[in-house]
Amino acid sequence: MCAAWPLVRYAPFEMGPQKQTDALSSSRQGRSTAALAKRARARLSTTALLVVSTFVIAVGAMNFSPPHAAADLVAANATAVLSVVLSLVVFVWVRVERTPSELQRFGLVYQILIGLGISLTEVFITYDTSSVVRGVSWACLWIVLFPIVVPMTRNKALIGAVGTALMGPISVAIAIAAGLPMVDAQTLVFLFFPNFLSIVLAMVLYQALHRLRSDATRAEQLGAYALQERLGSGGMGEVWRATHRMLARPAAIKLISEQGPRL
């Protein structure tokens, strides 16, 4: 059961019904955009800090106990440091108010550049032309998790995943240009097939999460009202702040517990 009443008393509108509806839609769209931008900023900043932590630990580990077949430890260290600096720049950049489109474009570039940093670090630290087994690249985890953690459109998520996967072969090309031995085509396929397989996994998980978010949004719709925030709870049930789809006023929705009063 539910009951609804206005929280604030408003003076009558002098505009027509259509203008009232347009004004309400514009206001609701603005609130939705602001909420999306806030979530994107928080998640992008958290992701940047996690990347910093991961690279710091990785740099320490590979310098404390470098692999015997390390191709160029100096280049690997330089790449890791640049990735840390880039992530710190991202962390600072998102502290300022940004629009969702700016955050998505910047996040897309950041995803691909960190993919390049991961791939270059791995190539310079584990380059071995005689082995096709190097383990699954950390870039695969980055490809799968980034579009799930950071809000993005489907097209940008796909572009980011493909771009990050391509950083593997590009890193090998950079290493060869820097003087390391050539790698045959078969070795490249074995090394980077998991990267491109991760694209499929990333988009499947993205679609599943998008569907869950849509279901959650629909679940928050109570008739003509959209639940926004829980204001409190008591023995009879809960009170939520809500907005009406047609009326330009806030409302309180009281949800009565089916179990009756709690003593």
Protein backbone atom coordinates (compact mmCIF):
# COMPACT_ATOMS: atom_id res chain seq x y z
CA MET A 1 0.00 0.00 0.00
CA CYS A 2 1.14 3.55 -0.45
CA ALA A 3 0.01 7.06 0.27
CA ALA A 4 1.40 10.27 -1.16
CA TRP A 5 1.19 13.92 -0.15
CA PRO A 6 3.06 17.09 -1.16
CA LEU A 7 6.01 18.03 1.01
CA VAL A 8 6.03 21.68 -0.10
CA ARG A 9 3.10 23.94 -0.91
CA TYR A 10 3.51 25.74 -4.21
CA ALA A 11 1.81 28.79 -5.69
CA PRO A 12 -0.32 28.04 -8.78
CA PHE A 13 1.54 27.98 -12.06
CA GLU A 14 0.73 30.63 -14.63
CA MET A 15 2.07 28.53 -17.49
CA GLY A 16 0.09 25.98 -19.47
CA PRO A 17 0.10 22.23 -18.83
CA GLN A 18 2.54 21.53 -21.67
CA LYS A 19 5.03 24.07 -20.35
CA GLN A 20 4.69 22.62 -16.86
CA THR A 21 5.46 19.15 -18.24
CA ASP A 22 8.44 20.46 -20.23
CA ALA A 23 9.81 22.28 -17.19
CA LEU A 24 9.49 19.15 -15.06
CA SER A 25 11.16 16.98 -17.69
CA SER A 26 14.04 19.45 -18.00
CA SER A 27 14.48 19.57 -14.22
CA ARG A 28 14.42 15.78 -13.91
CA GLN A 29 16.89 15.39 -16.77
CA GLY A 30 19.22 17.87 -15.07
CA ARG A 31 19.11 15.93 -11.80
CA SER A 32 19.72 12.66 -13.63
CA THR A 33 22.71 14.13 -15.52
CA ALA A 34 24.21 15.51 -12.31
CA ALA A 35 23.83 12.14 -10.56
CA LEU A 36 25.43 10.32 -13.51
CA ALA A 37 28.36 12.74 -13.55
CA LYS A 38 28.85 12.35 -9.80
CA ARG A 39 28.94 8.55 -10.06
CA ALA A 40 31.32 8.66 -13.03
CA ARG A 41 33.71 11.04 -11.23
CA ALA A 42 33.75 8.90 -8.08
CA ARG A 43 34.35 5.66 -9.96
CA LEU A 44 36.97 7.12 -12.31
CA SER A 45 38.91 8.62 -9.39
CA THR A 46 38.76 5.33 -7.47
CA THR A 47 39.93 3.44 -10.55
CA ALA A 48 42.85 5.84 -11.00
CA LEU A 49 43.97 5.28 -7.40
CA LEU A 50 43.74 1.51 -7.83
CA VAL A 51 45.89 1.74 -10.96
CA VAL A 52 48.47 3.80 -9.06
CA SER A 53 48.57 1.21 -6.26
CA THR A 54 48.88 -1.69 -8.70
CA PHE A 55 51.74 -0.14 -10.67
CA VAL A 56 53.60 0.87 -7.50
CA ILE A 57 53.42 -2.70 -6.20
CA ALA A 58 54.36 -4.11 -9.62
CA VAL A 59 57.36 -1.77 -9.99
CA GLY A 60 58.59 -2.72 -6.54
CA ALA A 61 58.21 -6.43 -7.25
CA MET A 62 59.89 -6.40 -10.65
CA ASN A 63 62.87 -4.37 -9.34
CA PHE A 64 63.27 -6.41 -6.17
CA SER A 65 63.23 -9.67 -8.08
CA PRO A 66 63.48 -9.00 -11.83
CA PRO A 67 62.87 -11.90 -14.25
CA HIS A 68 66.05 -13.45 -15.60
CA ALA A 69 64.80 -12.84 -19.15
CA ALA A 70 63.85 -9.18 -18.61
CA ALA A 71 64.37 -7.43 -21.93
CA ASP A 72 64.62 -3.82 -20.75
CA LEU A 73 63.99 -3.13 -17.07
CA VAL A 74 64.63 0.60 -17.50
CA ALA A 75 61.94 0.90 -20.19
CA ALA A 76 59.51 -1.13 -18.06
CA ASN A 77 60.13 1.15 -15.08
CA ALA A 78 59.70 4.28 -17.19
CA THR A 79 56.41 3.01 -18.61
CA ALA A 80 55.11 2.15 -15.14
CA VAL A 81 56.05 5.59 -13.78
CA LEU A 82 54.31 7.34 -16.71
CA SER A 83 51.19 5.24 -16.05
CA VAL A 84 51.25 6.29 -12.39
CA VAL A 85 51.63 9.97 -13.34
CA LEU A 86 48.76 9.72 -15.82
CA SER A 87 46.53 8.12 -13.19
CA LEU A 88 47.33 10.87 -10.68
CA VAL A 89 46.47 13.48 -13.32
CA VAL A 90 43.13 11.74 -13.87
CA PHE A 91 42.48 11.66 -10.12
CA VAL A 92 43.05 15.42 -9.88
CA TRP A 93 41.14 16.18 -13.10
CA VAL A 94 37.93 14.48 -11.95
CA ARG A 95 37.87 16.47 -8.69
CA VAL A 96 36.43 19.35 -10.72
CA GLU A 97 32.83 19.28 -11.95
CA ARG A 98 32.65 17.65 -15.39
CA THR A 99 29.81 16.74 -17.71
CA PRO A 100 29.06 13.04 -18.35
CA SER A 101 30.19 13.38 -21.97
CA GLU A 102 33.54 14.89 -20.90
CA LEU A 103 34.04 12.13 -18.35
CA GLN A 104 33.23 9.42 -20.88
CA ARG A 105 35.60 10.83 -23.52
CA PHE A 106 38.39 11.31 -20.99
CA GLY A 107 37.74 7.88 -19.49
CA LEU A 108 37.94 6.28 -22.93
CA VAL A 109 41.35 7.86 -23.62
CA TYR A 110 42.53 6.91 -20.12
CA GLN A 111 41.46 3.29 -20.57
CA ILE A 112 43.41 2.91 -23.83
CA LEU A 113 46.53 4.69 -22.54
CA ILE A 114 46.66 2.57 -19.39
CA GLY A 115 46.18 -0.48 -21.61
CA LEU A 116 49.26 0.67 -23.51
CA GLY A 117 51.15 1.14 -20.23
CA ILE A 118 50.24 -2.36 -19.03
CA SER A 119 51.19 -3.95 -22.34
CA LEU A 120 54.49 -2.08 -22.68
CA THR A 121 55.50 -2.92 -19.12
CA GLU A 122 54.73 -6.60 -19.67
CA VAL A 123 56.54 -6.69 -23.01
CA PHE A 124 59.73 -5.08 -21.68
CA ILE A 125 59.75 -7.21 -18.54
CA THR A 126 58.86 -10.59 -20.05
CA TYR A 127 59.87 -10.39 -23.72
CA ASP A 128 60.83 -13.87 -24.93
CA THR A 129 60.66 -14.74 -28.62
CA SER A 130 61.17 -18.45 -27.90
CA SER A 131 58.02 -18.90 -25.80
CA VAL A 132 54.37 -18.50 -26.68
CA VAL A 133 53.28 -18.93 -23.06
CA ARG A 134 53.56 -15.81 -20.90
CA GLY A 135 50.41 -16.05 -18.87
CA VAL A 136 47.26 -13.99 -19.35
CA SER A 137 47.97 -10.28 -19.61
CA TRP A 138 46.71 -7.89 -16.94
CA ALA A 139 45.30 -5.97 -19.89
CA CYS A 140 42.56 -8.62 -20.10
CA LEU A 141 41.38 -7.76 -16.60
CA TRP A 142 41.52 -4.07 -17.48
CA ILE A 143 39.45 -4.64 -20.64
CA VAL A 144 36.74 -6.51 -18.75
CA LEU A 145 36.47 -4.37 -15.62
CA PHE A 146 36.80 -0.79 -16.88
CA PRO A 147 33.46 -0.47 -18.76
CA ILE A 148 31.70 -2.17 -15.84
CA VAL A 149 33.14 0.10 -13.17
CA VAL A 150 33.15 3.41 -15.07
CA PRO A 151 29.76 4.39 -16.61
CA MET A 152 30.03 4.52 -20.40
CA THR A 153 27.79 4.18 -23.43
CA ARG A 154 27.82 0.85 -25.25
CA ASN A 155 29.69 2.26 -28.25
CA LYS A 156 32.40 3.86 -26.11
CA ALA A 157 32.73 0.67 -24.06
CA LEU A 158 33.30 -1.30 -27.28
CA ILE A 159 35.79 1.24 -28.65
CA GLY A 160 37.69 1.23 -25.37
CA ALA A 161 37.83 -2.56 -25.22
CA VAL A 162 39.03 -2.91 -28.82
CA GLY A 163 41.56 -0.09 -28.44
CA THR A 164 42.97 -1.59 -25.25
CA ALA A 165 43.26 -5.05 -26.82
CA LEU A 166 45.17 -3.57 -29.76
CA MET A 167 47.74 -2.10 -27.39
CA GLY A 168 49.26 -5.58 -27.00
CA PRO A 169 50.41 -5.99 -30.62
CA ILE A 170 51.30 -2.29 -30.76
CA SER A 171 53.54 -2.73 -27.70
CA VAL A 172 55.38 -5.58 -29.40
CA ALA A 173 55.84 -3.39 -32.49
CA ILE A 174 57.29 -0.63 -30.27
CA ALA A 175 59.64 -3.13 -28.61
CA ILE A 176 60.83 -4.41 -32.00
CA ALA A 177 61.37 -0.84 -33.17
CA ALA A 178 63.45 -0.30 -30.01
CA GLY A 179 65.78 -3.11 -31.07
CA LEU A 180 64.29 -6.28 -29.60
CA PRO A 181 64.11 -9.42 -31.79
CA MET A 182 61.23 -10.02 -34.19
CA VAL A 183 58.31 -12.21 -33.09
CA ASP A 184 56.63 -14.59 -35.53
CA ALA A 185 52.92 -14.35 -36.31
CA GLN A 186 51.98 -17.56 -34.50
CA THR A 187 53.55 -16.32 -31.27
CA LEU A 188 51.62 -13.05 -31.57
CA VAL A 189 48.35 -14.96 -31.95
CA PHE A 190 49.01 -17.06 -28.86
CA LEU A 191 50.10 -14.04 -26.84
CA PHE A 192 47.24 -11.70 -27.64
CA PHE A 193 44.26 -13.92 -28.42
CA PRO A 194 43.12 -13.61 -24.75
CA ASN A 195 43.03 -9.81 -25.17
CA PHE A 196 40.51 -10.02 -27.99
CA LEU A 197 38.54 -12.75 -26.25
CA SER A 198 38.25 -10.34 -23.32
CA ILE A 199 36.40 -7.91 -25.60
CA VAL A 200 33.55 -10.41 -25.98
CA LEU A 201 33.47 -11.07 -22.24
CA ALA A 202 33.52 -7.35 -21.46
CA MET A 203 30.54 -6.61 -23.73
CA VAL A 204 28.54 -9.58 -22.42
CA LEU A 205 29.06 -8.43 -18.83
CA TYR A 206 28.36 -4.81 -19.82
CA GLN A 207 25.04 -5.80 -21.38
CA ALA A 208 24.06 -7.92 -18.38
CA LEU A 209 24.88 -5.11 -15.95
CA HIS A 210 23.02 -2.59 -18.11
CA ARG A 211 19.95 -4.82 -18.00
CA LEU A 212 20.18 -5.11 -14.22
CA ARG A 213 20.46 -1.35 -13.86
CA SER A 214 17.42 -0.86 -16.08
CA ASP A 215 15.44 -3.36 -14.01
CA ALA A 216 16.48 -1.57 -10.81
CA THR A 217 15.37 1.76 -12.26
CA ARG A 218 11.98 0.33 -13.21
CA ALA A 219 11.66 -1.20 -9.76
CA GLU A 220 12.02 2.27 -8.24
CA GLN A 221 8.96 3.46 -10.16
CA LEU A 222 5.84 3.34 -7.98
CA GLY A 223 2.90 4.13 -10.21
CA ALA A 224 3.28 7.73 -11.32
CA TYR A 225 5.99 8.33 -8.71
CA ALA A 226 9.74 7.73 -8.91
CA LEU A 227 11.36 6.95 -5.56
CA GLN A 228 14.44 9.11 -4.95
CA GLU A 229 15.63 8.72 -1.36
CA ARG A 230 14.50 7.01 1.84
CA LEU A 231 13.70 9.64 4.46
CA GLY A 232 13.04 7.35 7.39
CA SER A 233 11.40 4.21 8.68
CA GLY A 234 9.26 3.20 11.61
CA GLY A 235 6.91 0.60 12.94
CA MET A 236 4.39 1.03 10.10
CA GLY A 237 6.85 1.08 7.20
CA GLU A 238 9.13 3.52 5.34
CA VAL A 239 8.85 7.08 4.02
CA TRP A 240 10.54 7.96 0.72
CA ARG A 241 11.11 11.24 -1.08
CA ALA A 242 9.69 10.95 -4.60
CA THR A 243 8.84 12.94 -7.71
CA HIS A 244 5.69 12.73 -9.79
CA ARG A 245 6.08 12.17 -13.51
CA MET A 246 3.59 14.90 -14.42
CA LEU A 247 3.34 17.26 -11.43
CA ALA A 248 6.10 19.78 -10.79
CA ARG A 249 6.33 19.15 -7.05
CA PRO A 250 8.11 16.81 -4.67
CA ALA A 251 6.15 14.27 -2.68
CA ALA A 252 6.55 11.88 0.22
CA ILE A 253 5.57 8.26 -0.32
CA LYS A 254 4.76 6.14 2.69
CA LEU A 255 5.19 2.42 2.12
CA ILE A 256 3.08 0.45 4.57
CA SER A 257 4.62 -2.81 5.73
CA GLU A 258 2.55 -5.88 4.81
CA GLN A 259 3.45 -7.36 8.19
CA GLY A 260 1.70 -4.57 10.06
CA PRO A 261 3.10 -2.48 12.89
CA ARG A 262 6.37 -3.67 14.44
CA LEU A 263 6.22 -3.54 18.24
